[in-house]
Amino acid sequence: MSATRSTPVLAKPAGTAPGPRAPGGVRIRRALDGAGTPLRGLAGLTGLVVLLEVLPHTGLVSADYLPPASEMGRALWQLLGEGAFWSALGDTLTGWGLGLVIAVVAGVVAGVVIGSVPVLRAATASTIEFLRPIPSVALIPVAVLLYGTDLESKLLLVVYASFWQVLVQVLAGTQDADPVAEDTARSYRMGGWGRVRYVLWPTALPYVMTGVRLAATVALVLTITAELVIGSPGLGRELAVAQTSGAVPRVYAFVLVTGFLGVAVNLVARAVERRALHWHPSMRGEGQR
């Protein structure tokens, strides 16, 4: 007779949560982590404000060079009530926006054309590598000679600096196109426009959005720099005027405004990037974290 073997039944230890509930706990932990990140950032910002308020009163730093945070806040509040401030802000945003649009359009068009033609890419590689590292501030004398302190001088610096950010990313995106997809497009006798639309552009779009995000920040930096050095109308010129007049709290107020403007530009650029790449796996993964 053959003995019948009984299969042992393993019991779960007491207090062990069932398997299906585990993902819920993971989601809760992720939600708590996501809620804690803004709180930690707010705590760091509060600590910085407290340090700026206390440090001038300790004597370690002279209040003539670093006024307390309360004085900076009062100067900033006064700025918000002045019409000249809003006019300067409009001039800065105008130069930044126009320069960024021109740079993005020119960078995307040039990148797609050069990247889709191997011979043209090889012929322009050395020229791009020569021109790209030239600092935009080195063109300030040229801009002043050509356009003086008008808007065009500001646009020259902004477009030159931002153009390379977009162009390099677009070239990298076109080079990353799937060879299988390209062979498929050729087998279907797809024209040049069809290859760009259905093969190159979906691959290059994440690179394009990265270039746009980088170019937006660079464009803002060059806009403020042009206003500060050349004297073009905008926040940079108002900051220089406050510096020469010895209004130290007002100088820091303008610095805070430019900092807030930089944060806003970065947030808007990231929001546009998430919107444009909602179909991309990287954006889906970011939304799940």
Protein backbone atom coordinates (compact mmCIF):
# COMPACT_ATOMS: atom_id res chain seq x y z
CA MET A 1 0.00 0.00 0.00
CA SER A 2 1.27 3.44 -0.80
CA ALA A 3 1.10 6.03 1.88
CA THR A 4 -0.78 9.17 0.98
CA ARG A 5 1.23 12.31 1.64
CA SER A 6 -0.64 15.30 2.96
CA THR A 7 0.46 18.70 1.73
CA PRO A 8 1.25 20.96 4.65
CA VAL A 9 -0.68 24.18 4.88
CA LEU A 10 1.44 27.18 5.82
CA ALA A 11 -0.40 29.68 7.95
CA LYS A 12 0.48 33.37 7.79
CA PRO A 13 1.84 34.85 10.98
CA ALA A 14 -0.60 36.79 13.08
CA GLY A 15 -0.78 40.46 12.20
CA THR A 16 0.43 40.00 8.61
CA ALA A 17 -1.53 42.17 6.20
CA PRO A 18 -3.10 40.45 3.18
CA GLY A 19 -1.25 40.82 -0.12
CA PRO A 20 -3.78 43.04 -1.95
CA ARG A 21 -3.49 45.75 0.71
CA ALA A 22 0.22 46.34 0.14
CA PRO A 23 -0.16 48.70 -2.84
CA GLY A 24 -2.49 50.88 -0.77
CA GLY A 25 0.16 51.24 1.89
CA VAL A 26 2.69 52.14 -0.74
CA ARG A 27 0.37 54.81 -2.08
CA ILE A 28 -0.13 56.22 1.41
CA ARG A 29 3.60 56.41 2.00
CA ARG A 30 4.07 58.12 -1.36
CA ALA A 31 1.32 60.62 -0.55
CA LEU A 32 2.94 61.40 2.80
CA ASP A 33 6.31 61.84 1.16
CA GLY A 34 4.78 64.13 -1.48
CA ALA A 35 3.09 66.22 1.21
CA GLY A 36 6.28 66.41 3.24
CA THR A 37 8.39 67.80 0.40
CA PRO A 38 6.65 71.23 0.25
CA LEU A 39 6.70 71.41 4.05
CA ARG A 40 10.44 70.78 4.12
CA GLY A 41 10.96 73.42 1.45
CA LEU A 42 8.83 75.90 3.41
CA ALA A 43 10.79 75.13 6.56
CA GLY A 44 14.08 75.80 4.75
CA LEU A 45 12.76 79.10 3.36
CA THR A 46 11.53 80.14 6.81
CA GLY A 47 14.93 79.34 8.28
CA LEU A 48 16.62 81.49 5.63
CA VAL A 49 14.32 84.44 6.36
CA VAL A 50 14.98 84.13 10.11
CA LEU A 51 18.73 84.00 9.47
CA LEU A 52 18.61 87.12 7.28
CA GLU A 53 16.63 88.90 9.99
CA VAL A 54 18.90 87.95 12.88
CA LEU A 55 22.32 88.11 11.21
CA PRO A 56 22.52 91.92 10.78
CA HIS A 57 21.57 92.41 14.46
CA THR A 58 24.42 90.21 15.68
CA GLY A 59 27.12 92.51 14.32
CA LEU A 60 28.69 89.78 12.19
CA VAL A 61 27.45 91.56 9.07
CA SER A 62 26.89 95.27 8.75
CA ALA A 63 23.28 96.28 8.19
CA ASP A 64 24.57 98.84 5.67
CA TYR A 65 25.43 95.96 3.31
CA LEU A 66 22.92 93.32 4.39
CA PRO A 67 19.74 94.86 5.81
CA PRO A 68 17.37 92.68 7.86
CA ALA A 69 14.74 90.65 6.03
CA SER A 70 12.01 92.93 7.40
CA GLU A 71 13.55 95.94 5.62
CA MET A 72 13.84 93.93 2.41
CA GLY A 73 10.17 93.00 2.72
CA ARG A 74 9.13 96.64 3.25
CA ALA A 75 11.17 97.71 0.22
CA LEU A 76 9.58 94.94 -1.85
CA TRP A 77 6.11 96.02 -0.74
CA GLN A 78 6.86 99.59 -1.79
CA LEU A 79 8.05 98.35 -5.18
CA LEU A 80 4.78 96.56 -5.78
CA GLY A 81 2.94 99.84 -5.40
CA GLU A 82 5.00 101.72 -7.98
CA GLY A 83 3.95 101.97 -11.60
CA ALA A 84 7.56 102.20 -12.75
CA PHE A 85 8.22 98.77 -11.28
CA TRP A 86 5.45 97.14 -13.28
CA SER A 87 6.61 98.92 -16.42
CA ALA A 88 10.14 97.59 -15.86
CA LEU A 89 8.75 94.10 -15.24
CA GLY A 90 6.84 94.31 -18.51
CA ASP A 91 9.99 95.34 -20.39
CA THR A 92 11.89 92.40 -18.90
CA LEU A 93 9.17 89.90 -19.74
CA THR A 94 8.86 91.32 -23.27
CA GLY A 95 12.57 90.91 -23.98
CA TRP A 96 12.61 87.47 -22.39
CA GLY A 97 9.52 86.22 -24.23
CA LEU A 98 10.46 87.52 -27.68
CA GLY A 99 14.02 86.28 -27.39
CA LEU A 100 12.91 82.86 -26.20
CA VAL A 101 10.34 82.43 -29.00
CA ILE A 102 12.86 83.42 -31.68
CA ALA A 103 15.51 81.12 -30.23
CA VAL A 104 13.15 78.15 -29.92
CA VAL A 105 11.76 78.47 -33.45
CA ALA A 106 15.20 78.95 -34.98
CA GLY A 107 16.74 76.16 -32.90
CA VAL A 108 14.02 73.63 -33.73
CA VAL A 109 14.01 74.40 -37.46
CA ALA A 110 17.79 74.40 -37.75
CA GLY A 111 18.10 71.27 -35.60
CA VAL A 112 15.57 69.27 -37.62
CA VAL A 113 17.06 70.34 -40.95
CA ILE A 114 20.67 69.69 -39.92
CA GLY A 115 19.86 66.51 -38.02
CA SER A 116 17.88 64.94 -40.83
CA VAL A 117 20.63 65.47 -43.42
CA PRO A 118 23.81 63.54 -42.46
CA VAL A 119 26.00 65.49 -44.89
CA LEU A 120 24.79 68.81 -43.52
CA ARG A 121 25.29 67.61 -39.96
CA ALA A 122 28.90 66.63 -40.67
CA ALA A 123 29.60 69.91 -42.45
CA THR A 124 28.27 72.10 -39.62
CA ALA A 125 29.59 70.13 -36.63
CA SER A 126 32.86 72.05 -36.34
CA THR A 127 31.14 75.41 -36.79
CA ILE A 128 28.62 74.65 -34.07
CA GLU A 129 31.31 73.50 -31.66
CA PHE A 130 33.25 76.72 -32.36
CA LEU A 131 30.38 79.16 -31.91
CA ARG A 132 28.53 77.49 -29.05
CA PRO A 133 31.12 78.07 -26.27
CA ILE A 134 31.41 81.82 -26.99
CA PRO A 135 29.96 83.61 -23.93
CA SER A 136 27.00 85.79 -24.76
CA VAL A 137 28.31 88.60 -22.56
CA ALA A 138 31.27 88.85 -24.94
CA LEU A 139 28.80 90.12 -27.54
CA ILE A 140 27.73 93.08 -25.39
CA PRO A 141 30.06 95.55 -27.17
CA VAL A 142 28.80 94.33 -30.54
CA ALA A 143 25.17 94.67 -29.42
CA VAL A 144 25.77 98.21 -28.16
CA LEU A 145 27.50 99.22 -31.39
CA LEU A 146 24.70 97.81 -33.52
CA TYR A 147 21.59 98.73 -31.55
CA GLY A 148 22.60 100.90 -28.60
CA THR A 149 20.41 100.35 -25.55
CA ASP A 150 17.26 99.47 -27.51
CA LEU A 151 15.33 96.23 -27.29
CA GLU A 152 17.24 94.76 -30.22
CA SER A 153 20.51 94.69 -28.27
CA LYS A 154 18.82 92.70 -25.53
CA LEU A 155 17.30 90.31 -28.05
CA LEU A 156 20.67 89.72 -29.68
CA LEU A 157 22.16 88.42 -26.43
CA VAL A 158 19.08 86.44 -25.42
CA VAL A 159 18.63 84.74 -28.78
CA TYR A 160 22.30 83.88 -29.13
CA ALA A 161 22.50 82.28 -25.68
CA SER A 162 19.18 80.43 -25.88
CA PHE A 163 19.52 79.23 -29.47
CA TRP A 164 22.36 76.83 -28.67
CA GLN A 165 20.44 75.26 -25.79
CA VAL A 166 17.64 74.27 -28.17
CA LEU A 167 19.79 73.38 -31.17
CA VAL A 168 22.05 70.96 -29.30
CA GLN A 169 19.07 69.15 -27.79
CA VAL A 170 17.25 68.87 -31.12
CA LEU A 171 20.37 67.47 -32.79
CA ALA A 172 20.67 64.89 -30.02
CA GLY A 173 17.00 63.98 -30.44
CA THR A 174 17.23 63.50 -34.20
CA GLN A 175 20.32 61.35 -33.76
CA ASP A 176 18.44 59.16 -31.28
CA ALA A 177 15.75 58.21 -33.81
CA ASP A 178 15.02 54.49 -34.02
CA PRO A 179 16.73 52.96 -37.09
CA VAL A 180 13.96 50.37 -37.38
CA ALA A 181 11.35 53.12 -37.56
CA GLU A 182 13.39 54.91 -40.21
CA ASP A 183 13.70 51.73 -42.27
CA THR A 184 9.96 51.18 -41.92
CA ALA A 185 9.27 54.72 -43.13
CA ARG A 186 11.49 54.15 -46.15
CA SER A 187 9.80 50.83 -46.92
CA TYR A 188 6.45 52.60 -46.94
CA ARG A 189 7.97 55.24 -49.25
CA MET A 190 7.21 57.98 -46.77
CA GLY A 191 8.32 61.43 -47.86
CA GLY A 192 10.65 63.79 -46.05
CA TRP A 193 7.86 65.60 -44.20
CA GLY A 194 6.27 62.32 -43.18
CA ARG A 195 9.56 61.02 -41.78
CA VAL A 196 10.03 64.22 -39.78
CA ARG A 197 6.47 64.15 -38.46
CA TYR A 198 6.11 60.47 -37.60
CA VAL A 199 9.70 59.33 -36.93
CA LEU A 200 12.00 62.19 -36.00
CA TRP A 201 9.61 64.50 -34.15
CA PRO A 202 8.20 62.00 -31.58
CA THR A 203 11.75 60.96 -30.74
CA ALA A 204 13.12 64.49 -30.61
CA LEU A 205 10.22 66.08 -28.69
CA PRO A 206 11.50 65.13 -25.20
CA TYR A 207 14.86 66.61 -26.16
CA VAL A 208 13.14 69.71 -27.53
CA MET A 209 11.25 70.30 -24.29
CA THR A 210 14.44 69.90 -22.29
CA GLY A 211 16.08 72.48 -24.53
CA VAL A 212 13.12 74.85 -24.13
CA ARG A 213 13.27 74.52 -20.34
CA LEU A 214 17.00 75.25 -20.30
CA ALA A 215 16.63 78.08 -22.81
CA ALA A 216 13.89 79.73 -20.73
CA THR A 217 16.22 80.03 -17.74
CA VAL A 218 19.19 81.15 -19.84
CA ALA A 219 17.03 83.74 -21.62
CA LEU A 220 15.97 85.24 -18.29
CA VAL A 221 19.57 85.43 -17.07
CA LEU A 222 20.72 87.17 -20.26
CA THR A 223 17.74 89.54 -20.20
CA ILE A 224 18.60 90.76 -16.70
CA THR A 225 22.30 90.90 -17.60
CA ALA A 226 21.66 93.01 -20.70
CA GLU A 227 19.51 95.43 -18.71
CA LEU A 228 22.07 95.60 -15.93
CA VAL A 229 25.15 96.12 -18.13
CA ILE A 230 23.81 97.81 -21.26
CA GLY A 231 21.10 99.83 -19.58
CA SER A 232 18.15 98.49 -21.56
CA PRO A 233 14.78 99.18 -19.94
CA GLY A 234 13.79 96.53 -17.40
CA LEU A 235 14.38 95.19 -13.92
CA GLY A 236 18.14 95.02 -14.42
CA ARG A 237 18.40 98.74 -15.14
CA GLU A 238 16.22 99.57 -12.13
CA LEU A 239 18.49 97.40 -9.98
CA ALA A 240 21.55 99.28 -11.26
CA VAL A 241 19.88 102.63 -10.52
CA ALA A 242 19.06 101.51 -6.97
CA GLN A 243 22.67 100.40 -6.50
CA THR A 244 24.16 103.71 -7.67
CA SER A 245 21.74 105.68 -5.47
CA GLY A 246 22.74 103.69 -2.37
CA ALA A 247 19.24 102.25 -1.73
CA VAL A 248 20.47 98.93 -0.35
CA PRO A 249 17.07 97.49 0.75
CA ARG A 250 15.68 98.40 -2.67
CA VAL A 251 18.58 96.55 -4.34
CA TYR A 252 17.77 93.40 -2.39
CA ALA A 253 14.08 93.85 -3.20
CA PHE A 254 14.90 93.78 -6.92
CA VAL A 255 17.11 90.74 -6.36
CA LEU A 256 14.18 88.98 -4.69
CA VAL A 257 11.91 89.89 -7.60
CA THR A 258 14.34 88.42 -10.12
CA GLY A 259 14.63 85.29 -7.96
CA PHE A 260 10.85 84.86 -7.80
CA LEU A 261 10.67 85.45 -11.54
CA GLY A 262 13.25 82.73 -12.14
CA VAL A 263 11.28 80.27 -10.00
CA ALA A 264 8.08 81.13 -11.87
CA VAL A 265 9.77 80.65 -15.26
CA ASN A 266 11.09 77.27 -14.19
CA LEU A 267 7.70 76.13 -12.87
CA VAL A 268 5.90 77.23 -16.04
CA ALA A 269 8.50 75.52 -18.24
CA ARG A 270 8.15 72.27 -16.30
CA ALA A 271 4.36 72.45 -16.49
CA VAL A 272 4.51 72.94 -20.26
CA GLU A 273 6.95 70.04 -20.50
CA ARG A 274 4.64 67.72 -18.55
CA ARG A 275 1.70 68.82 -20.69
CA ALA A 276 3.51 68.25 -23.97
CA LEU A 277 5.00 64.90 -22.88
CA HIS A 278 2.01 63.42 -21.04
CA TRP A 279 2.29 60.37 -23.31
CA HIS A 280 5.98 59.80 -22.58
CA PRO A 281 6.95 57.03 -20.11
CA SER A 282 9.14 59.38 -18.10
CA MET A 283 6.19 61.70 -17.42
CA ARG A 284 3.94 58.79 -16.50
CA GLY A 285 6.56 57.54 -14.10
CA GLU A 286 6.90 60.99 -12.60
CA GLY A 287 3.18 61.21 -12.03
CA GLN A 288 3.15 57.88 -10.18
CA ARG A 289 5.89 58.88 -7.77
